[in-house]
């Protein structure tokens, strides 16, 4: 089923972009232009993204942030 008739973008394409990391309507627009012309599909895109098109945050690998101080301390300890 088409989500964006202006650019011929389907639900499947939105889900595929979401699986590769586009998890907001703005990111979807950047990936395939959906929502950038008349804008009538933005709510449809929001609904798709809210229905599990994006991976849940818990399912993603944790991100470890480091600072210069922790990097230097780790290097000194090694």
PDB file of N, CA and C in Angstrom:
ATOM      1  N   UNK A   1       0.838  -1.177   0.000  1.00  0.00           N
ATOM      2  CA  UNK A   1       0.000   0.000   0.000  1.00  0.00           C
ATOM      3  C   UNK A   1       0.889   1.249   0.000  1.00  0.00           C
ATOM      4  N   UNK A   2       0.486   2.239  -0.772  1.00  0.00           N
ATOM      5  CA  UNK A   2       1.267   3.468  -0.855  1.00  0.00           C
ATOM      6  C   UNK A   2       1.072   4.330   0.386  1.00  0.00           C
ATOM      7  N   UNK A   3       2.167   4.853   0.884  1.00  0.00           N
ATOM      8  CA  UNK A   3       2.152   5.805   1.988  1.00  0.00           C
ATOM      9  C   UNK A   3       2.238   7.207   1.406  1.00  0.00           C
ATOM     10  N   UNK A   4       3.150   7.402   0.469  1.00  0.00           N
ATOM     11  CA  UNK A   4       3.381   8.705  -0.160  1.00  0.00           C
ATOM     12  C   UNK A   4       3.083   8.590  -1.649  1.00  0.00           C
ATOM     13  N   UNK A   5       1.968   9.178  -2.054  1.00  0.00           N
ATOM     14  CA  UNK A   5       1.614   9.106  -3.471  1.00  0.00           C
ATOM     15  C   UNK A   5       2.427  10.088  -4.307  1.00  0.00           C
ATOM     16  N   UNK A   6       2.965  11.131  -3.695  1.00  0.00           N
ATOM     17  CA  UNK A   6       3.784  12.097  -4.449  1.00  0.00           C
ATOM     18  C   UNK A   6       5.040  11.434  -5.018  1.00  0.00           C
ATOM     19  N   UNK A   7       5.655  10.548  -4.222  1.00  0.00           N
ATOM     20  CA  UNK A   7       6.898   9.908  -4.643  1.00  0.00           C
ATOM     21  C   UNK A   7       6.769   8.400  -4.814  1.00  0.00           C
ATOM     22  N   UNK A   8       5.555   7.859  -4.669  1.00  0.00           N
ATOM     23  CA  UNK A   8       5.330   6.430  -4.871  1.00  0.00           C
ATOM     24  C   UNK A   8       6.013   5.556  -3.835  1.00  0.00           C
ATOM     25  N   UNK A   9       6.040   6.008  -2.577  1.00  0.00           N
ATOM     26  CA  UNK A   9       6.704   5.262  -1.501  1.00  0.00           C
ATOM     27  C   UNK A   9       5.676   4.376  -0.799  1.00  0.00           C
ATOM     28  N   UNK A  10       6.028   3.110  -0.631  1.00  0.00           N
ATOM     29  CA  UNK A  10       5.125   2.138  -0.013  1.00  0.00           C
ATOM     30  C   UNK A  10       5.444   1.945   1.466  1.00  0.00           C
ATOM     31  N   UNK A  11       4.507   1.288   2.172  1.00  0.00           N
ATOM     32  CA  UNK A  11       4.735   0.942   3.578  1.00  0.00           C
ATOM     33  C   UNK A  11       5.999   0.100   3.705  1.00  0.00           C
ATOM     34  N   UNK A  12       6.165  -0.825   2.788  1.00  0.00           N
ATOM     35  CA  UNK A  12       7.337  -1.704   2.825  1.00  0.00           C
ATOM     36  C   UNK A  12       8.630  -0.896   2.754  1.00  0.00           C
ATOM     37  N   UNK A  13       8.659   0.097   1.862  1.00  0.00           N
ATOM     38  CA  UNK A  13       9.863   0.917   1.733  1.00  0.00           C
ATOM     39  C   UNK A  13      10.128   1.713   3.011  1.00  0.00           C
ATOM     40  N   UNK A  14       9.075   2.237   3.630  1.00  0.00           N
ATOM     41  CA  UNK A  14       9.247   2.970   4.890  1.00  0.00           C
ATOM     42  C   UNK A  14       9.815   2.034   5.947  1.00  0.00           C
ATOM     43  N   UNK A  15       9.278   0.819   6.028  1.00  0.00           N
ATOM     44  CA  UNK A  15       9.786  -0.152   7.013  1.00  0.00           C
ATOM     45  C   UNK A  15      11.248  -0.518   6.739  1.00  0.00           C
ATOM     46  N   UNK A  16      11.592  -0.666   5.465  1.00  0.00           N
ATOM     47  CA  UNK A  16      12.983  -0.987   5.121  1.00  0.00           C
ATOM     48  C   UNK A  16      13.924   0.142   5.538  1.00  0.00           C
ATOM     49  N   UNK A  17      13.521   1.382   5.305  1.00  0.00           N
ATOM     50  CA  UNK A  17      14.350   2.513   5.731  1.00  0.00           C
ATOM     51  C   UNK A  17      14.444   2.564   7.255  1.00  0.00           C
ATOM     52  N   UNK A  18      13.344   2.240   7.933  1.00  0.00           N
ATOM     53  CA  UNK A  18      13.355   2.225   9.391  1.00  0.00           C
ATOM     54  C   UNK A  18      14.302   1.152   9.917  1.00  0.00           C
ATOM     55  N   UNK A  19      14.329  -0.003   9.270  1.00  0.00           N
ATOM     56  CA  UNK A  19      15.221  -1.084   9.694  1.00  0.00           C
ATOM     57  C   UNK A  19      16.687  -0.712   9.538  1.00  0.00           C
ATOM     58  N   UNK A  20      16.970   0.198   8.620  1.00  0.00           N
ATOM     59  CA  UNK A  20      18.360   0.625   8.426  1.00  0.00           C
ATOM     60  C   UNK A  20      18.690   1.886   9.210  1.00  0.00           C
ATOM     61  N   UNK A  21      17.770   2.314  10.098  1.00  0.00           N
ATOM     62  CA  UNK A  21      18.093   3.398  11.014  1.00  0.00           C
ATOM     63  C   UNK A  21      17.305   4.680  10.887  1.00  0.00           C
ATOM     64  N   UNK A  22      16.456   4.819   9.897  1.00  0.00           N
ATOM     65  CA  UNK A  22      15.646   6.036   9.757  1.00  0.00           C
ATOM     66  C   UNK A  22      14.396   5.882  10.614  1.00  0.00           C
ATOM     67  N   UNK A  23      14.414   6.424  11.815  1.00  0.00           N
ATOM     68  CA  UNK A  23      13.335   6.164  12.767  1.00  0.00           C
ATOM     69  C   UNK A  23      12.482   7.378  13.110  1.00  0.00           C
ATOM     70  N   UNK A  24      12.601   8.444  12.354  1.00  0.00           N
ATOM     71  CA  UNK A  24      11.727   9.602  12.515  1.00  0.00           C
ATOM     72  C   UNK A  24      11.211   9.980  11.129  1.00  0.00           C
ATOM     73  N   UNK A  25      10.087  10.679  11.068  1.00  0.00           N
ATOM     74  CA  UNK A  25       9.608  11.119   9.755  1.00  0.00           C
ATOM     75  C   UNK A  25      10.651  11.943   8.991  1.00  0.00           C
ATOM     76  N   UNK A  26      11.413  12.757   9.688  1.00  0.00           N
ATOM     77  CA  UNK A  26      12.451  13.555   9.026  1.00  0.00           C
ATOM     78  C   UNK A  26      13.536  12.654   8.429  1.00  0.00           C
ATOM     79  N   UNK A  27      13.925  11.606   9.146  1.00  0.00           N
ATOM     80  CA  UNK A  27      14.934  10.681   8.629  1.00  0.00           C
ATOM     81  C   UNK A  27      14.389   9.877   7.448  1.00  0.00           C
ATOM     82  N   UNK A  28      13.114   9.511   7.518  1.00  0.00           N
ATOM     83  CA  UNK A  28      12.482   8.825   6.388  1.00  0.00           C
ATOM     84  C   UNK A  28      12.484   9.751   5.175  1.00  0.00           C
ATOM     85  N   UNK A  29      12.151  11.014   5.386  1.00  0.00           N
ATOM     86  CA  UNK A  29      12.151  11.991   4.291  1.00  0.00           C
ATOM     87  C   UNK A  29      13.538  12.123   3.675  1.00  0.00           C
ATOM     88  N   UNK A  30      14.557  12.114   4.505  1.00  0.00           N
ATOM     89  CA  UNK A  30      15.920  12.191   3.996  1.00  0.00           C
ATOM     90  C   UNK A  30      16.318  10.962   3.201  1.00  0.00           C
ATOM     91  N   UNK A  31      15.745   9.826   3.567  1.00  0.00           N
ATOM     92  CA  UNK A  31      16.089   8.577   2.896  1.00  0.00           C
ATOM     93  C   UNK A  31      15.362   8.393   1.568  1.00  0.00           C
ATOM     94  N   UNK A  32      14.108   8.868   1.477  1.00  0.00           N
ATOM     95  CA  UNK A  32      13.324   8.571   0.264  1.00  0.00           C
ATOM     96  C   UNK A  32      12.421   9.703  -0.208  1.00  0.00           C
ATOM     97  N   UNK A  33      12.483  10.850   0.423  1.00  0.00           N
ATOM     98  CA  UNK A  33      11.688  12.047   0.090  1.00  0.00           C
ATOM     99  C   UNK A  33      10.231  11.979   0.531  1.00  0.00           C
ATOM    100  N   UNK A  34       9.774  10.868   1.087  1.00  0.00           N
ATOM    101  CA  UNK A  34       8.381  10.782   1.532  1.00  0.00           C
ATOM    102  C   UNK A  34       8.110  11.866   2.570  1.00  0.00           C
ATOM    103  N   UNK A  35       7.031  12.601   2.373  1.00  0.00           N
ATOM    104  CA  UNK A  35       6.652  13.653   3.308  1.00  0.00           C
ATOM    105  C   UNK A  35       7.206  15.021   2.980  1.00  0.00           C
ATOM    106  N   UNK A  36       7.962  15.131   1.890  1.00  0.00           N
ATOM    107  CA  UNK A  36       8.595  16.413   1.579  1.00  0.00           C
ATOM    108  C   UNK A  36       7.854  17.232   0.533  1.00  0.00           C
ATOM    109  N   UNK A  37       6.787  16.689  -0.048  1.00  0.00           N
ATOM    110  CA  UNK A  37       6.059  17.457  -1.064  1.00  0.00           C
ATOM    111  C   UNK A  37       4.780  18.018  -0.448  1.00  0.00           C
ATOM    112  N   UNK A  38       3.681  17.314  -0.524  1.00  0.00           N
ATOM    113  CA  UNK A  38       2.425  17.858   0.006  1.00  0.00           C
ATOM    114  C   UNK A  38       2.308  17.677   1.518  1.00  0.00           C
ATOM    115  N   UNK A  39       3.029  16.693   2.087  1.00  0.00           N
ATOM    116  CA  UNK A  39       3.026  16.475   3.532  1.00  0.00           C
ATOM    117  C   UNK A  39       1.872  15.650   4.062  1.00  0.00           C
ATOM    118  N   UNK A  40       0.960  15.224   3.207  1.00  0.00           N
ATOM    119  CA  UNK A  40      -0.202  14.480   3.700  1.00  0.00           C
ATOM    120  C   UNK A  40       0.153  13.098   4.240  1.00  0.00           C
ATOM    121  N   UNK A  41       1.318  12.591   3.925  1.00  0.00           N
ATOM    122  CA  UNK A  41       1.696  11.247   4.371  1.00  0.00           C
ATOM    123  C   UNK A  41       2.465  11.247   5.694  1.00  0.00           C
ATOM    124  N   UNK A  42       2.787  12.407   6.225  1.00  0.00           N
ATOM    125  CA  UNK A  42       3.613  12.456   7.437  1.00  0.00           C
ATOM    126  C   UNK A  42       2.945  11.715   8.591  1.00  0.00           C
ATOM    127  N   UNK A  43       1.644  11.880   8.754  1.00  0.00           N
ATOM    128  CA  UNK A  43       0.948  11.163   9.838  1.00  0.00           C
ATOM    129  C   UNK A  43       0.950   9.650   9.599  1.00  0.00           C
ATOM    130  N   UNK A  44       0.851   9.229   8.358  1.00  0.00           N
ATOM    131  CA  UNK A  44       0.929   7.797   8.044  1.00  0.00           C
ATOM    132  C   UNK A  44       2.310   7.265   8.401  1.00  0.00           C
ATOM    133  N   UNK A  45       3.336   8.037   8.089  1.00  0.00           N
ATOM    134  CA  UNK A  45       4.707   7.629   8.411  1.00  0.00           C
ATOM    135  C   UNK A  45       4.878   7.553   9.920  1.00  0.00           C
ATOM    136  N   UNK A  46       4.368   8.551  10.642  1.00  0.00           N
ATOM    137  CA  UNK A  46       4.446   8.526  12.106  1.00  0.00           C
ATOM    138  C   UNK A  46       3.757   7.287  12.658  1.00  0.00           C
ATOM    139  N   UNK A  47       2.601   6.948  12.102  1.00  0.00           N
ATOM    140  CA  UNK A  47       1.872   5.766  12.563  1.00  0.00           C
ATOM    141  C   UNK A  47       2.662   4.493  12.288  1.00  0.00           C
ATOM    142  N   UNK A  48       3.274   4.392  11.126  1.00  0.00           N
ATOM    143  CA  UNK A  48       4.088   3.210  10.811  1.00  0.00           C
ATOM    144  C   UNK A  48       5.272   3.093  11.758  1.00  0.00           C
ATOM    145  N   UNK A  49       5.931   4.201  12.016  1.00  0.00           N
ATOM    146  CA  UNK A  49       7.086   4.175  12.906  1.00  0.00           C
ATOM    147  C   UNK A  49       6.675   3.833  14.326  1.00  0.00           C
ATOM    148  N   UNK A  50       5.480   4.242  14.719  1.00  0.00           N
ATOM    149  CA  UNK A  50       4.974   3.932  16.050  1.00  0.00           C
ATOM    150  C   UNK A  50       4.524   2.499  16.195  1.00  0.00           C
ATOM    151  N   UNK A  51       4.350   1.793  15.074  1.00  0.00           N
ATOM    152  CA  UNK A  51       3.892   0.406  15.103  1.00  0.00           C
ATOM    153  C   UNK A  51       5.024  -0.583  14.949  1.00  0.00           C
ATOM    154  N   UNK A  52       6.186  -0.239  15.408  1.00  0.00           N
ATOM    155  CA  UNK A  52       7.272  -1.197  15.411  1.00  0.00           C
ATOM    156  C   UNK A  52       8.104  -1.264  14.157  1.00  0.00           C
ATOM    157  N   UNK A  53       8.027  -0.262  13.292  1.00  0.00           N
ATOM    158  CA  UNK A  53       8.882  -0.279  12.107  1.00  0.00           C
ATOM    159  C   UNK A  53      10.345  -0.106  12.497  1.00  0.00           C
ATOM    160  N   UNK A  54      10.577   0.599  13.600  1.00  0.00           N
ATOM    161  CA  UNK A  54      11.944   0.810  14.084  1.00  0.00           C
ATOM    162  C   UNK A  54      12.261  -0.205  15.168  1.00  0.00           C
ATOM    163  N   UNK A  55      13.512  -0.615  15.256  1.00  0.00           N
ATOM    164  CA  UNK A  55      13.876  -1.527  16.340  1.00  0.00           C
ATOM    165  C   UNK A  55      13.707  -0.837  17.686  1.00  0.00           C
ATOM    166  N   UNK A  56      13.295  -1.585  18.683  1.00  0.00           N
ATOM    167  CA  UNK A  56      13.149  -1.012  20.027  1.00  0.00           C
ATOM    168  C   UNK A  56      14.513  -0.671  20.576  1.00  0.00           C
ATOM    169  N   UNK A  57      14.562   0.354  21.378  1.00  0.00           N
ATOM    170  CA  UNK A  57      15.843   0.794  21.941  1.00  0.00           C
ATOM    171  C   UNK A  57      16.518  -0.317  22.746  1.00  0.00           C
ATOM    172  N   UNK A  58      15.741  -1.119  23.461  1.00  0.00           N
ATOM    173  CA  UNK A  58      16.334  -2.192  24.264  1.00  0.00           C
ATOM    174  C   UNK A  58      17.008  -3.239  23.388  1.00  0.00           C
ATOM    175  N   UNK A  59      16.535  -3.383  22.168  1.00  0.00           N
ATOM    176  CA  UNK A  59      17.080  -4.399  21.272  1.00  0.00           C
ATOM    177  C   UNK A  59      18.394  -3.963  20.639  1.00  0.00           C
ATOM    178  N   UNK A  60      18.695  -2.684  20.703  1.00  0.00           N
ATOM    179  CA  UNK A  60      19.923  -2.180  20.109  1.00  0.00           C
ATOM    180  C   UNK A  60      21.106  -2.435  21.027  1.00  0.00           C
ATOM    181  N   UNK A  61      22.280  -2.545  20.456  1.00  0.00           N
ATOM    182  CA  UNK A  61      23.480  -2.703  21.256  1.00  0.00           C
ATOM    183  C   UNK A  61      23.713  -1.439  22.070  1.00  0.00           C
ATOM    184  N   UNK A  62      24.175  -1.584  23.317  1.00  0.00           N
ATOM    185  CA  UNK A  62      24.433  -0.394  24.126  1.00  0.00           C
ATOM    186  C   UNK A  62      25.608   0.404  23.561  1.00  0.00           C
ATOM    187  N   UNK A  63      25.546   1.685  23.770  1.00  0.00           N
ATOM    188  CA  UNK A  63      26.609   2.577  23.325  1.00  0.00           C
ATOM    189  C   UNK A  63      27.461   2.925  24.531  1.00  0.00           C
ATOM    190  N   UNK A  64      28.757   2.797  24.397  1.00  0.00           N
ATOM    191  CA  UNK A  64      29.673   3.139  25.474  1.00  0.00           C
ATOM    192  C   UNK A  64      30.365   4.438  25.099  1.00  0.00           C
ATOM    193  N   UNK A  65      30.168   5.446  25.928  1.00  0.00           N
ATOM    194  CA  UNK A  65      30.792   6.739  25.685  1.00  0.00           C
ATOM    195  C   UNK A  65      32.099   6.819  26.453  1.00  0.00           C
ATOM    196  N   UNK A  66      33.105   7.364  25.822  1.00  0.00           N
ATOM    197  CA  UNK A  66      34.383   7.545  26.502  1.00  0.00           C
ATOM    198  C   UNK A  66      34.805   8.999  26.383  1.00  0.00           C
ATOM    199  N   UNK A  67      35.595   9.413  27.337  1.00  0.00           N
ATOM    200  CA  UNK A  67      36.157  10.759  27.306  1.00  0.00           C
ATOM    201  C   UNK A  67      37.656  10.634  27.135  1.00  0.00           C
ATOM    202  N   UNK A  68      38.298  11.740  26.895  1.00  0.00           N
ATOM    203  CA  UNK A  68      39.752  11.725  26.757  1.00  0.00           C
ATOM    204  C   UNK A  68      40.399  11.221  28.042  1.00  0.00           C
ATOM    205  N   UNK A  69      39.831  11.579  29.186  1.00  0.00           N
ATOM    206  CA  UNK A  69      40.393  11.157  30.473  1.00  0.00           C
ATOM    207  C   UNK A  69      40.299   9.642  30.649  1.00  0.00           C
ATOM    208  N   UNK A  70      39.157   9.049  30.304  1.00  0.00           N
ATOM    209  CA  UNK A  70      39.031   7.600  30.468  1.00  0.00           C
ATOM    210  C   UNK A  70      39.887   6.855  29.455  1.00  0.00           C
ATOM    211  N   UNK A  71      40.048   7.425  28.267  1.00  0.00           N
ATOM    212  CA  UNK A  71      40.908   6.814  27.259  1.00  0.00           C
ATOM    213  C   UNK A  71      42.363   6.855  27.712  1.00  0.00           C
ATOM    214  N   UNK A  72      42.784   7.988  28.265  1.00  0.00           N
ATOM    215  CA  UNK A  72      44.158   8.128  28.759  1.00  0.00           C
ATOM    216  C   UNK A  72      44.401   7.193  29.937  1.00  0.00           C
ATOM    217  N   UNK A  73      43.436   7.071  30.831  1.00  0.00           N
ATOM    218  CA  UNK A  73      43.577   6.186  31.984  1.00  0.00           C
ATOM    219  C   UNK A  73      43.680   4.730  31.534  1.00  0.00           C
ATOM    220  N   UNK A  74      42.902   4.346  30.549  1.00  0.00           N
ATOM    221  CA  UNK A  74      42.954   2.981  30.038  1.00  0.00           C
ATOM    222  C   UNK A  74      44.289   2.710  29.359  1.00  0.00           C
ATOM    223  N   UNK A  75      44.817   3.695  28.644  1.00  0.00           N
ATOM    224  CA  UNK A  75      46.108   3.537  27.977  1.00  0.00           C
ATOM    225  C   UNK A  75      47.231   3.431  29.001  1.00  0.00           C
ATOM    226  N   UNK A  76      47.142   4.200  30.079  1.00  0.00           N
ATOM    227  CA  UNK A  76      48.169   4.166  31.121  1.00  0.00           C
ATOM    228  C   UNK A  76      48.143   2.842  31.871  1.00  0.00           C
ATOM    229  N   UNK A  77      46.967   2.271  32.031  1.00  0.00           N
ATOM    230  CA  UNK A  77      46.831   1.006  32.750  1.00  0.00           C
ATOM    231  C   UNK A  77      47.330  -0.167  31.913  1.00  0.00           C
ATOM    232  N   UNK A  78      47.359  -0.012  30.616  1.00  0.00           N
ATOM    233  CA  UNK A  78      47.764  -1.112  29.737  1.00  0.00           C
ATOM    234  C   UNK A  78      49.221  -1.183  29.581  1.00  0.00           C
TER     235      UNK A  78
END
